[in-house]
Amino acid sequence: MIDHKEALRQHYTSFDGFYSHYFPQHKVLANGEWQVRCPFHDDGTPSMSVSPQTGLFKCHGCNAQGDFIKFYMMKTGKTFKEAVVSMCEEAGIKTVAPKQEKRRIEKTYDYLDANGEIVSQTVRFMPKSFSQRVPNGNGWDWSLKGIKTVIYNLPDVIKSNQVLILEGEKDCDTSKIYGYTATTCPMGAGKWRDDYSKYLYGKEVVLIPDNDGPGIKHMMDIGTKLRKYANVKWFQFPDNVKMHKGFDFTDFVNSFENEFECMKTLDELIRAARTFDPAKIIIPEPDTEESEKIKAWIMLSPGEFSIRDLDYDLNIKDPEQKIHRIKILEKFVAEKLLSREGKKRGYYRPYKSDLERMDFKFADDKFLDVWLPFKLHDLVGLLPGNIVIVAGEPNAGKTALLLNLIKANRKRFDVHYFNSEMGSGELKTRLSKFDDFPSSDWSFNAYHRDSDFEDVIFKGPKSLNIIDFLEVHDNFYLIGDKIKKIHEALDGGIAVIAVQRNKGAAFGLGGQRTMEKARLVINISPGIIQITKAKNFINPGINPNWMKVNFNLVNGCKFVMQGGGWYREEA
């Protein structure tokens, strides 16, 4: 059979060209998706989302949704088979029928009795398939009829106090490399016989299932049969492992680059295996048309969502539909596609297992050449990706301080100043107050912006982003999340963020959450600057935290230090 579907999927690395044929005029959203008028109903305002990255589409008006092949089927009225053939022809894709590969033996696995004699043999073929055979004196009989089979590695199992049970012989052989005794039963999942359990009497048994419904059910069946004979435990792969359907023990071992790290992790996980309790194990539901529909909706709507949003968009109303929807979402949780969000019921987010390795051995740990007021740069260092918080009382000099930062750093960095209050004329007036500094020397970029700074932040170690200021008018606890998003967007850049602070308060609006991502936090009150958080000391012998400096602000722009400089008040 000619695999037109696979040929199409290999052909389209992006779906811009495919959808441009149908939507030459389209609006590109911030997340890269297109917003277009749905061709499947009378769409007065654009209500369809199209992802040129994944090829998925979804109409929030008539609920039409699917992949690019489904879109073509709906547009043309063709069946699936007719659609993929036509699409291949239109795209100029030449398909060939896959060649039938001759079956050959790739590996054999001996099942031995207690004396080490062969009882049966599992044969693995390429292309992948399995058969069982038994010796007959002159060769092999390819049938187990009348044979009393045994479990894999029986002689080693009898001698061991701890035994791992895995789904396949390959996994058992893998575990042996790392010093473990493991067993399985012939013919795979669902074939564990009651008489196998006697071999494990009194032992510690660790069940390690494959990551799919049949694999988990198989191990649960074994665990239920073994509970009265052995101390049965259930192995859990760590949450940070990205597991595909069918992920097994060998896949897990192969995910490590370092053999020692693999051995250490296996030892920790096997020691941590919990007592087998079927009530605490979730068996994933099989994929259905409904689960695929919900999965497509999640992919088109990234980020946190509530079941109320899901029900509204997919028209889920009946109590039975809602019960089934919960089962599907919990299936996605078990498969690590989703995580529950927060403490409220009914909130989820896509599961994030991607890790960014920190190359600390070759990282640049030199402080950047950033000017800070009153020679603060002689006390505190800044590194690429750092955030500075300036928490100021009203009329204390926040903007003046930020303009001085621009003035001093304009030739060292690409400075980008985001202002939420001043117009262009007022900014020009503020800059003109620097009478020792001609207007022609003000070489920086200024923008009006009052929200969503993470979308426009400038990246890289030569970028100095100055935000004047981060506005939050209610729900002040959200300010920490806003700062976190800016921090994630920096990619080596620096951000100096001004926030409001009530008179006499220890922290800016948002409380201590404003300080979480910052490496330097300074409070400004009329005539006083205080360091409330400093993480990178220039001189390890001088801790600058809670040090102060007094100043006068002249002409609204010039800071004049009073006294002898930075000091710490005696308790």
Protein backbone atom coordinates (compact mmCIF):
# COMPACT_ATOMS: atom_id res chain seq x y z
CA MET A 1 0.00 0.00 0.00
CA ILE A 2 1.30 3.50 -0.85
CA ASP A 3 1.66 5.54 2.36
CA HIS A 4 0.36 8.89 1.14
CA LYS A 5 -0.29 10.18 4.69
CA GLU A 6 3.31 9.63 5.81
CA ALA A 7 4.59 11.21 2.60
CA LEU A 8 2.50 14.33 3.30
CA ARG A 9 3.73 14.62 6.87
CA GLN A 10 7.35 14.38 5.73
CA HIS A 11 6.72 16.94 2.97
CA TYR A 12 5.27 19.66 5.23
CA THR A 13 7.86 20.93 7.71
CA SER A 14 5.71 24.06 8.02
CA PHE A 15 2.13 24.69 6.94
CA ASP A 16 2.39 28.36 5.92
CA GLY A 17 2.24 27.49 2.24
CA PHE A 18 -0.67 25.07 2.63
CA TYR A 19 -2.90 27.49 4.54
CA SER A 20 -1.81 30.59 2.55
CA HIS A 21 -3.61 29.05 -0.43
CA TYR A 22 -6.88 29.30 1.52
CA PHE A 23 -6.15 32.39 3.64
CA PRO A 24 -3.98 34.85 1.68
CA GLN A 25 -5.20 37.55 4.10
CA HIS A 26 -4.69 36.61 7.73
CA LYS A 27 -3.82 38.18 11.08
CA VAL A 28 -0.72 36.81 12.83
CA LEU A 29 -1.18 36.64 16.61
CA ALA A 30 1.58 37.07 19.21
CA ASN A 31 1.93 33.28 19.63
CA GLY A 32 2.49 32.80 15.88
CA GLU A 33 -0.96 31.44 15.13
CA TRP A 34 -3.20 32.91 12.40
CA GLN A 35 -6.64 34.35 13.04
CA VAL A 36 -8.87 33.89 9.98
CA ARG A 37 -12.51 33.76 8.91
CA CYS A 38 -13.85 30.22 9.15
CA PRO A 39 -14.81 28.84 5.71
CA PHE A 40 -17.20 26.31 7.25
CA HIS A 41 -19.85 28.73 8.53
CA ASP A 42 -20.97 32.32 7.97
CA ASP A 43 -18.15 33.95 9.93
CA GLY A 44 -18.77 37.67 10.44
CA THR A 45 -15.64 38.15 12.56
CA PRO A 46 -12.52 35.93 12.33
CA SER A 47 -13.10 33.04 14.72
CA MET A 48 -10.73 30.35 13.43
CA SER A 49 -7.22 29.75 14.78
CA VAL A 50 -4.66 28.12 12.48
CA SER A 51 -1.21 26.96 13.58
CA PRO A 52 1.31 27.13 10.72
CA GLN A 53 3.75 25.21 12.94
CA THR A 54 1.60 22.14 13.71
CA GLY A 55 -0.96 22.30 10.88
CA LEU A 56 -3.85 22.19 13.37
CA PHE A 57 -6.93 24.40 13.03
CA LYS A 58 -9.84 25.19 15.31
CA CYS A 59 -12.93 27.36 14.86
CA HIS A 60 -14.22 28.86 18.10
CA GLY A 61 -17.56 29.56 16.42
CA CYS A 62 -18.70 26.30 14.77
CA ASN A 63 -16.19 24.01 16.57
CA ALA A 64 -14.65 22.71 13.32
CA GLN A 65 -11.16 21.45 14.14
CA GLY A 66 -8.46 18.97 13.20
CA ASP A 67 -5.22 18.73 11.26
CA PHE A 68 -4.39 19.93 7.75
CA ILE A 69 -5.71 16.72 6.16
CA LYS A 70 -9.05 17.12 7.97
CA PHE A 71 -9.18 20.72 6.74
CA TYR A 72 -8.74 19.57 3.13
CA MET A 73 -11.40 16.88 3.58
CA MET A 74 -13.90 19.44 4.89
CA LYS A 75 -13.11 21.88 2.08
CA THR A 76 -13.40 19.30 -0.71
CA GLY A 77 -15.89 16.82 0.71
CA LYS A 78 -13.50 13.95 -0.03
CA THR A 79 -12.92 10.86 2.07
CA PHE A 80 -9.63 10.48 3.92
CA LYS A 81 -8.20 8.11 1.31
CA GLU A 82 -9.29 10.37 -1.57
CA ALA A 83 -7.98 13.48 0.20
CA VAL A 84 -4.43 12.25 0.89
CA VAL A 85 -4.05 10.96 -2.69
CA SER A 86 -5.25 14.30 -4.12
CA MET A 87 -3.05 16.32 -1.74
CA CYS A 88 0.01 14.33 -2.77
CA GLU A 89 -0.77 14.93 -6.43
CA GLU A 90 -1.30 18.67 -5.88
CA ALA A 91 1.94 18.96 -3.90
CA GLY A 92 3.90 17.01 -6.50
CA ILE A 93 4.77 14.26 -4.03
CA LYS A 94 5.80 10.97 -5.56
CA THR A 95 5.10 8.06 -3.24
CA VAL A 96 6.40 4.57 -3.46
CA ALA A 97 5.09 1.41 -1.96
CA PRO A 98 7.21 0.25 0.98
CA LYS A 99 9.24 -2.83 0.18
CA GLN A 100 8.39 -5.98 2.08
CA GLU A 101 11.48 -6.74 4.14
CA LYS A 102 12.35 -10.40 4.48
CA ARG A 103 11.98 -11.61 8.07
CA ARG A 104 15.25 -12.50 9.79
CA ILE A 105 16.20 -13.48 13.34
CA GLU A 106 17.68 -10.55 15.24
CA LYS A 107 17.96 -11.94 18.79
CA THR A 108 17.08 -15.04 20.82
CA TYR A 109 16.29 -15.23 24.53
CA ASP A 110 16.68 -18.54 26.41
CA TYR A 111 14.20 -19.48 29.14
CA LEU A 112 16.04 -21.87 31.50
CA ASP A 113 14.73 -24.15 34.23
CA ALA A 114 16.20 -24.24 37.75
CA ASN A 115 19.02 -26.50 36.51
CA GLY A 116 19.97 -24.24 33.65
CA GLU A 117 18.43 -26.36 30.88
CA ILE A 118 16.56 -24.66 28.01
CA VAL A 119 12.79 -24.94 28.36
CA SER A 120 11.84 -22.54 25.56
CA GLN A 121 13.23 -19.70 23.52
CA THR A 122 11.76 -16.35 22.51
CA VAL A 123 12.87 -15.30 19.03
CA ARG A 124 12.89 -11.65 18.01
CA PHE A 125 12.66 -10.98 14.28
CA MET A 126 13.28 -7.97 12.05
CA PRO A 127 10.93 -6.41 11.06
CA LYS A 128 9.90 -6.49 14.71
CA SER A 129 7.89 -9.57 15.67
CA PHE A 130 8.24 -12.41 18.17
CA SER A 131 7.77 -16.19 18.14
CA GLN A 132 8.28 -18.98 20.69
CA ARG A 133 10.05 -22.27 20.06
CA VAL A 134 11.26 -25.27 22.03
CA PRO A 135 14.18 -27.65 21.37
CA ASN A 136 13.21 -31.12 20.06
CA GLY A 137 16.65 -32.77 19.94
CA ASN A 138 17.17 -32.20 16.23
CA GLY A 139 16.12 -28.56 15.99
CA TRP A 140 13.11 -26.54 17.04
CA ASP A 141 9.35 -26.89 17.32
CA TRP A 142 7.64 -23.52 16.81
CA SER A 143 4.92 -24.10 19.40
CA LEU A 144 4.59 -24.08 23.21
CA LYS A 145 1.71 -26.56 23.19
CA GLY A 146 2.13 -29.01 26.07
CA ILE A 147 5.18 -27.15 27.45
CA LYS A 148 5.26 -26.01 31.09
CA THR A 149 6.95 -22.64 30.60
CA VAL A 150 9.04 -20.80 33.21
CA ILE A 151 9.93 -17.16 33.84
CA TYR A 152 13.03 -15.53 32.30
CA ASN A 153 16.38 -15.79 34.17
CA LEU A 154 14.91 -18.38 36.59
CA PRO A 155 18.29 -19.65 37.97
CA ASP A 156 19.27 -16.08 38.92
CA VAL A 157 15.79 -15.33 40.31
CA ILE A 158 15.99 -18.30 42.66
CA LYS A 159 19.28 -17.00 44.11
CA SER A 160 18.24 -13.33 44.46
CA ASN A 161 16.46 -11.55 47.30
CA GLN A 162 15.39 -8.66 45.07
CA VAL A 163 13.90 -9.12 41.60
CA LEU A 164 12.73 -6.58 39.05
CA ILE A 165 9.80 -7.57 36.85
CA LEU A 166 9.87 -6.00 33.39
CA GLU A 167 7.77 -6.44 30.28
CA GLY A 168 10.39 -7.78 27.89
CA GLU A 169 13.56 -9.82 27.75
CA LYS A 170 15.56 -6.91 26.31
CA ASP A 171 14.79 -4.82 29.41
CA CYS A 172 15.83 -7.73 31.66
CA ASP A 173 19.17 -8.00 29.86
CA THR A 174 19.62 -4.23 30.17
CA SER A 175 19.06 -4.38 33.94
CA LYS A 176 21.66 -7.14 34.27
CA ILE A 177 24.32 -4.77 32.91
CA TYR A 178 23.66 -2.55 35.92
CA GLY A 179 23.79 -5.38 38.46
CA TYR A 180 20.09 -6.20 38.86
CA THR A 181 18.25 -9.50 38.57
CA ALA A 182 15.13 -9.14 36.45
CA THR A 183 12.52 -11.43 34.99
CA THR A 184 9.54 -11.47 32.65
CA CYS A 185 7.17 -14.07 31.25
CA PRO A 186 7.09 -15.54 27.75
CA MET A 187 4.70 -14.02 25.20
CA GLY A 188 4.59 -10.56 26.82
CA ALA A 189 1.87 -8.53 28.50
CA GLY A 190 -1.13 -10.34 29.96
CA LYS A 191 0.54 -13.79 29.97
CA TRP A 192 1.61 -14.13 33.64
CA ARG A 193 0.45 -17.49 34.97
CA ASP A 194 -0.37 -18.14 38.62
CA ASP A 195 2.28 -20.85 38.91
CA TYR A 196 5.05 -18.33 38.08
CA SER A 197 4.46 -16.57 41.40
CA LYS A 198 5.88 -19.40 43.51
CA TYR A 199 9.39 -18.61 42.24
CA LEU A 200 9.21 -15.19 43.93
CA TYR A 201 8.06 -16.33 47.37
CA GLY A 202 9.48 -14.14 50.17
CA LYS A 203 11.40 -11.85 47.83
CA GLU A 204 11.28 -8.08 47.28
CA VAL A 205 9.71 -7.61 43.86
CA VAL A 206 9.84 -4.28 42.03
CA LEU A 207 7.31 -3.88 39.21
CA ILE A 208 8.48 -1.61 36.35
CA PRO A 209 5.75 -1.12 33.72
CA ASP A 210 6.05 0.19 30.18
CA ASN A 211 4.39 3.57 29.67
CA ASP A 212 1.12 2.45 28.11
CA GLY A 213 -2.24 1.08 29.21
CA PRO A 214 -1.53 -2.62 28.44
CA GLY A 215 1.86 -2.41 30.14
CA ILE A 216 0.46 -0.88 33.32
CA LYS A 217 -2.46 -3.34 33.40
CA HIS A 218 0.01 -6.22 32.93
CA MET A 219 2.10 -5.13 35.92
CA MET A 220 -1.00 -4.53 38.04
CA ASP A 221 -2.18 -8.06 37.25
CA ILE A 222 1.22 -9.48 38.27
CA GLY A 223 1.24 -7.37 41.44
CA THR A 224 -2.22 -8.57 42.45
CA LYS A 225 -1.20 -12.20 41.97
CA LEU A 226 2.09 -11.75 43.87
CA ARG A 227 0.88 -9.79 46.91
CA LYS A 228 0.34 -12.88 49.06
CA TYR A 229 3.75 -14.31 48.17
CA ALA A 230 6.18 -11.38 48.09
CA ASN A 231 6.92 -7.81 49.18
CA VAL A 232 5.69 -6.08 46.02
CA LYS A 233 6.72 -2.51 45.13
CA TRP A 234 5.86 -0.15 42.26
CA PHE A 235 8.59 1.73 40.38
CA GLN A 236 7.88 5.30 39.25
CA PHE A 237 9.83 6.98 36.47
CA PRO A 238 10.83 10.53 37.55
CA ASP A 239 8.57 13.44 36.53
CA ASN A 240 11.31 15.21 34.56
CA VAL A 241 11.62 12.34 32.06
CA LYS A 242 9.83 12.94 28.77
CA MET A 243 8.13 9.62 28.06
CA HIS A 244 6.53 8.60 24.79
CA LYS A 245 3.82 5.96 24.63
CA GLY A 246 5.47 2.57 25.24
CA PHE A 247 8.52 4.12 26.96
CA ASP A 248 10.32 1.29 28.77
CA PHE A 249 13.22 0.54 31.11
CA THR A 250 15.78 0.41 28.30
CA ASP A 251 14.57 3.76 26.94
CA PHE A 252 15.10 5.23 30.41
CA VAL A 253 18.64 3.85 30.70
CA ASN A 254 19.51 5.11 27.22
CA SER A 255 18.36 8.63 28.15
CA PHE A 256 21.50 9.08 30.28
CA GLU A 257 24.75 10.35 28.81
CA ASN A 258 26.77 9.26 31.85
CA GLU A 259 26.78 5.61 32.99
CA PHE A 260 27.63 6.47 36.59
CA GLU A 261 24.74 8.94 36.77
CA CYS A 262 22.43 6.26 35.40
CA MET A 263 23.53 3.73 38.04
CA LYS A 264 23.11 6.29 40.81
CA THR A 265 19.63 7.32 39.64
CA LEU A 266 18.45 3.72 39.23
CA ASP A 267 19.62 2.88 42.74
CA GLU A 268 17.75 5.87 44.18
CA LEU A 269 14.54 5.16 42.27
CA ILE A 270 14.47 1.44 43.09
CA ARG A 271 15.07 2.20 46.77
CA ALA A 272 12.24 4.76 46.62
CA ALA A 273 9.74 2.37 44.98
CA ARG A 274 6.48 2.49 46.96
CA THR A 275 4.44 -0.44 48.22
CA PHE A 276 2.15 -1.75 45.48
CA ASP A 277 -1.36 -0.36 45.89
CA PRO A 278 -3.69 -0.77 42.88
CA ALA A 279 -5.97 2.03 44.15
CA LYS A 280 -3.16 4.59 43.65
CA ILE A 281 -2.27 3.58 40.09
CA ILE A 282 -3.88 5.34 37.12
CA ILE A 283 -4.32 3.31 33.94
CA PRO A 284 -4.38 5.63 30.91
CA GLU A 285 -7.52 5.49 28.82
CA PRO A 286 -6.93 4.61 25.13
CA ASP A 287 -6.94 7.45 22.61
CA THR A 288 -10.39 8.18 21.19
CA GLU A 289 -11.85 10.70 18.79
CA GLU A 290 -12.99 12.74 21.80
CA SER A 291 -9.55 12.67 23.46
CA GLU A 292 -7.90 13.71 20.18
CA LYS A 293 -10.36 16.61 19.93
CA ILE A 294 -9.49 17.77 23.46
CA LYS A 295 -5.75 17.33 22.77
CA ALA A 296 -6.04 19.49 19.62
CA TRP A 297 -7.84 22.19 21.62
CA ILE A 298 -5.07 22.19 24.25
CA MET A 299 -2.38 22.48 21.56
CA LEU A 300 -4.14 25.46 19.98
CA SER A 301 -4.67 27.14 23.36
CA PRO A 302 -1.28 26.97 25.13
CA GLY A 303 -0.95 27.91 28.79
CA GLU A 304 -3.15 27.41 31.82
CA PHE A 305 -6.82 26.68 31.21
CA SER A 306 -9.94 25.78 33.17
CA ILE A 307 -12.44 23.03 32.41
CA ARG A 308 -15.02 25.81 32.08
CA ASP A 309 -13.09 27.20 29.07
CA LEU A 310 -12.81 23.70 27.61
CA ASP A 311 -16.51 22.94 28.08
CA TYR A 312 -17.56 26.23 26.51
CA ASP A 313 -15.34 25.92 23.44
CA LEU A 314 -16.10 22.24 22.77
CA ASN A 315 -19.79 22.49 23.73
CA ILE A 316 -19.51 19.94 26.54
CA LYS A 317 -22.81 20.14 28.45
CA ASP A 318 -24.16 16.74 29.45
CA PRO A 319 -23.11 15.25 32.84
CA GLU A 320 -21.89 12.08 31.10
CA GLN A 321 -19.78 14.16 28.69
CA LYS A 322 -18.23 15.99 31.65
CA ILE A 323 -17.40 12.74 33.46
CA HIS A 324 -15.74 11.44 30.29
CA ARG A 325 -13.89 14.76 29.89
CA ILE A 326 -12.41 14.43 33.39
CA LYS A 327 -11.23 10.89 32.59
CA ILE A 328 -9.52 12.18 29.44
CA LEU A 329 -7.81 15.04 31.29
CA GLU A 330 -6.61 12.66 34.02
CA LYS A 331 -5.34 10.35 31.26
CA PHE A 332 -3.30 13.28 29.96
CA VAL A 333 -2.01 13.92 33.49
CA ALA A 334 -0.93 10.27 33.79
CA GLU A 335 0.75 10.49 30.37
CA LYS A 336 2.51 13.70 31.44
CA LEU A 337 0.83 15.81 28.78
CA LEU A 338 -0.86 17.95 31.45
CA SER A 339 -0.28 18.98 35.06
CA ARG A 340 -2.89 20.16 37.51
CA GLU A 341 -2.48 23.88 38.16
CA GLY A 342 -2.71 25.38 41.64
CA LYS A 343 -4.96 24.19 44.44
CA LYS A 344 -8.30 24.88 42.74
CA ARG A 345 -10.11 22.02 41.08
CA GLY A 346 -10.50 22.10 37.34
CA TYR A 347 -7.35 24.00 36.35
CA TYR A 348 -4.62 22.48 34.17
CA ARG A 349 -1.53 23.49 32.21
CA PRO A 350 0.62 21.71 29.61
CA TYR A 351 3.28 19.54 31.23
CA LYS A 352 6.77 21.00 30.86
CA SER A 353 9.62 18.51 31.05
CA ASP A 354 12.20 20.25 28.88
CA LEU A 355 15.35 21.18 30.75
CA GLU A 356 17.97 23.69 29.74
CA ARG A 357 21.39 22.47 30.81
CA MET A 358 23.63 24.98 32.61
CA ASP A 359 27.11 24.99 31.11
CA PHE A 360 28.69 26.30 34.32
CA LYS A 361 32.17 25.02 33.48
CA PHE A 362 32.57 27.37 30.53
CA ALA A 363 30.18 30.14 31.61
CA ASP A 364 31.33 33.76 31.64
CA ASP A 365 31.34 34.82 35.31
CA LYS A 366 32.80 38.30 34.76
CA PHE A 367 30.68 41.18 35.98
CA LEU A 368 29.33 43.51 33.30
CA ASP A 369 30.63 47.05 33.04
CA VAL A 370 27.43 48.70 34.30
CA TRP A 371 27.47 52.15 35.92
CA LEU A 372 25.32 52.36 39.05
CA PRO A 373 24.66 55.52 41.09
CA PHE A 374 26.92 56.61 43.97
CA LYS A 375 29.53 54.04 42.92
CA LEU A 376 27.18 51.23 43.81
CA HIS A 377 28.96 49.27 41.04
CA ASP A 378 31.99 49.12 43.39
CA LEU A 379 29.85 47.17 45.88
CA VAL A 380 27.53 45.03 43.73
CA GLY A 381 28.18 43.25 40.42
CA LEU A 382 25.71 42.39 37.66
CA LEU A 383 25.87 39.41 35.29
CA PRO A 384 24.06 38.71 32.00
CA GLY A 385 20.39 37.94 32.63
CA ASN A 386 20.20 39.87 35.92
CA ILE A 387 17.28 42.00 37.07
CA VAL A 388 17.54 45.18 39.17
CA ILE A 389 14.46 46.43 41.03
CA VAL A 390 14.16 50.12 41.89
CA ALA A 391 11.33 50.43 44.46
CA GLY A 392 10.54 54.10 44.94
CA GLU A 393 8.16 56.17 46.98
CA PRO A 394 6.15 58.79 45.03
CA ASN A 395 8.28 61.80 43.98
CA ALA A 396 11.44 60.27 45.45
CA GLY A 397 13.44 60.33 42.18
CA LYS A 398 12.83 56.98 40.46
CA THR A 399 12.68 58.38 36.93
CA ALA A 400 15.61 60.72 37.59
CA LEU A 401 17.69 57.75 38.71
CA LEU A 402 16.74 55.79 35.58
CA LEU A 403 17.64 58.70 33.29
CA ASN A 404 21.04 58.90 35.00
CA LEU A 405 21.49 55.18 34.28
CA ILE A 406 20.76 55.86 30.61
CA LYS A 407 23.18 58.80 30.52
CA ALA A 408 26.06 56.83 32.05
CA ASN A 409 25.53 53.54 30.20
CA ARG A 410 24.46 54.72 26.73
CA LYS A 411 27.89 54.02 25.16
CA ARG A 412 28.39 50.71 26.94
CA PHE A 413 25.05 49.11 26.06
CA ASP A 414 22.16 49.28 23.64
CA VAL A 415 19.75 51.08 25.98
CA HIS A 416 15.99 50.59 25.60
CA TYR A 417 13.78 52.79 27.79
CA PHE A 418 10.12 51.83 28.24
CA ASN A 419 7.94 54.54 29.80
CA SER A 420 4.30 54.25 30.81
CA GLU A 421 3.58 57.83 31.90
CA MET A 422 5.46 60.46 29.90
CA GLY A 423 4.78 61.57 26.35
CA SER A 424 7.59 62.46 23.96
CA GLY A 425 7.42 66.17 24.84
CA GLU A 426 7.66 65.61 28.57
CA LEU A 427 10.59 63.22 28.13
CA LYS A 428 12.38 65.85 26.05
CA THR A 429 11.81 68.40 28.84
CA ARG A 430 13.17 66.01 31.47
CA LEU A 431 16.31 65.36 29.41
CA SER A 432 16.87 69.09 28.84
CA LYS A 433 17.33 69.55 32.60
CA PHE A 434 20.71 67.85 32.29
CA ASP A 435 22.34 71.22 31.48
CA ASP A 436 25.83 69.67 31.33
CA PHE A 437 24.71 67.24 28.64
CA PRO A 438 23.68 68.33 25.10
CA SER A 439 20.55 66.78 23.64
CA SER A 440 22.53 65.40 20.68
CA ASP A 441 24.39 63.06 23.06
CA TRP A 442 21.20 61.28 24.22
CA SER A 443 21.68 58.15 22.09
CA PHE A 444 19.14 55.59 23.30
CA ASN A 445 15.82 54.06 22.24
CA ALA A 446 12.61 55.22 23.93
CA TYR A 447 9.19 53.57 23.71
CA HIS A 448 5.77 54.08 25.23
CA ARG A 449 4.76 50.80 26.92
CA ASP A 450 2.76 49.96 30.03
CA SER A 451 2.29 46.16 29.98
CA ASP A 452 3.45 42.81 28.57
CA PHE A 453 7.11 43.85 28.57
CA GLU A 454 8.25 40.23 28.13
CA ASP A 455 6.96 40.37 24.54
CA VAL A 456 9.25 43.25 23.54
CA ILE A 457 12.27 42.85 25.80
CA PHE A 458 15.67 43.13 24.08
CA LYS A 459 17.91 40.10 24.53
CA GLY A 460 21.64 39.55 24.81
CA PRO A 461 24.42 40.86 27.08
CA LYS A 462 24.66 44.20 25.21
CA SER A 463 21.01 45.05 25.90
CA LEU A 464 20.04 47.22 28.87
CA ASN A 465 16.25 47.35 29.29
CA ILE A 466 14.93 50.09 31.59
CA ILE A 467 11.23 49.83 32.53
CA ASP A 468 9.70 52.98 34.01
CA PHE A 469 7.54 51.66 35.53
CA LEU A 470 5.84 48.25 36.05
CA GLU A 471 2.21 49.20 36.56
CA VAL A 472 -0.08 47.06 38.74
CA HIS A 473 -3.31 48.68 39.95
CA ASP A 474 -4.84 45.70 41.76
CA ASN A 475 -3.97 42.08 42.50
CA PHE A 476 -0.50 43.23 43.48
CA TYR A 477 0.59 39.65 44.12
CA LEU A 478 0.76 39.25 40.32
CA ILE A 479 3.76 41.56 40.05
CA GLY A 480 6.12 38.71 40.92
CA ASP A 481 4.82 36.74 37.95
CA LYS A 482 5.26 39.75 35.65
CA ILE A 483 8.89 40.12 36.75
CA LYS A 484 9.43 36.37 36.28
CA LYS A 485 8.22 36.58 32.66
CA ILE A 486 10.59 39.48 31.97
CA HIS A 487 13.44 37.49 33.50
CA GLU A 488 12.68 34.49 31.27
CA ALA A 489 12.73 36.72 28.17
CA LEU A 490 16.11 38.38 28.84
CA ASP A 491 18.40 35.68 27.39
CA GLY A 492 21.51 37.43 28.68
CA GLY A 493 20.13 40.97 28.67
CA ILE A 494 19.72 43.16 31.76
CA ALA A 495 16.50 44.72 33.02
CA VAL A 496 16.18 47.59 35.49
CA ILE A 497 12.55 47.69 36.61
CA ALA A 498 10.99 50.53 38.59
CA VAL A 499 8.05 49.69 40.88
CA GLN A 500 5.98 51.87 43.18
CA ARG A 501 6.51 51.64 46.93
CA ASN A 502 4.20 53.06 49.56
CA LYS A 503 5.70 55.59 51.96
CA GLY A 504 7.55 53.83 54.77
CA ALA A 505 6.99 50.33 53.30
CA ALA A 506 9.88 47.86 53.33
CA PHE A 507 9.07 46.49 49.86
CA GLY A 508 7.57 47.69 46.59
CA LEU A 509 3.96 46.93 45.66
CA GLY A 510 3.72 43.15 45.49
CA GLY A 511 5.72 42.65 48.68
CA GLN A 512 8.62 40.25 48.80
CA ARG A 513 7.58 38.69 45.48
CA THR A 514 9.11 41.74 43.76
CA MET A 515 12.50 40.56 45.05
CA GLU A 516 12.41 36.89 44.02
CA LYS A 517 14.13 37.14 40.61
CA ALA A 518 16.17 40.28 41.30
CA ARG A 519 19.91 40.20 42.01
CA LEU A 520 19.84 43.80 43.23
CA VAL A 521 16.97 45.71 44.89
CA ILE A 522 17.22 49.31 46.00
CA ASN A 523 14.62 51.39 47.81
CA ILE A 524 14.39 55.13 47.11
CA SER A 525 12.85 57.51 49.60
CA PRO A 526 13.24 61.31 49.49
CA GLY A 527 16.94 61.88 50.19
CA ILE A 528 17.84 58.21 50.92
CA ILE A 529 18.74 55.15 48.84
CA GLN A 530 18.95 51.79 50.62
CA ILE A 531 20.13 48.42 49.33
CA THR A 532 17.54 45.82 50.39
CA LYS A 533 18.93 42.91 48.38
CA ALA A 534 22.35 42.35 46.83
CA LYS A 535 23.51 38.90 45.71
CA ASN A 536 26.83 39.48 43.91
CA PHE A 537 29.41 41.16 46.13
CA ILE A 538 32.39 42.84 44.47
CA ASN A 539 34.39 42.50 47.68
CA PRO A 540 33.53 39.27 49.54
CA GLY A 541 34.50 40.99 52.78
CA ILE A 542 31.88 43.73 52.39
CA ASN A 543 28.21 42.79 52.55
CA PRO A 544 26.30 45.72 51.02
CA ASN A 545 22.84 44.55 52.10
CA TRP A 546 20.92 47.25 54.06
CA MET A 547 23.59 49.88 53.45
CA LYS A 548 22.34 53.42 52.79
CA VAL A 549 23.46 56.63 51.12
CA ASN A 550 22.02 60.13 51.57
CA PHE A 551 21.52 62.51 48.64
CA ASN A 552 20.02 65.74 47.42
CA LEU A 553 18.19 65.80 44.08
CA VAL A 554 19.04 69.01 42.25
CA ASN A 555 16.89 70.35 39.38
CA GLY A 556 15.03 67.03 39.23
CA CYS A 557 17.94 65.25 37.57
CA LYS A 558 21.25 65.57 39.42
CA PHE A 559 22.01 63.38 42.43
CA VAL A 560 24.43 64.96 44.92
CA MET A 561 25.74 62.65 47.62
CA GLN A 562 25.57 63.88 51.21
CA GLY A 563 27.94 62.70 53.93
CA GLY A 564 30.73 60.21 53.46
CA GLY A 565 29.00 57.74 51.15
CA TRP A 566 27.50 54.34 51.86
CA TYR A 567 26.98 53.51 55.53
CA ARG A 568 25.17 51.02 57.73
CA GLU A 569 23.05 52.23 60.63
CA GLU A 570 24.11 50.87 63.98
CA ALA A 571 21.52 48.65 65.67
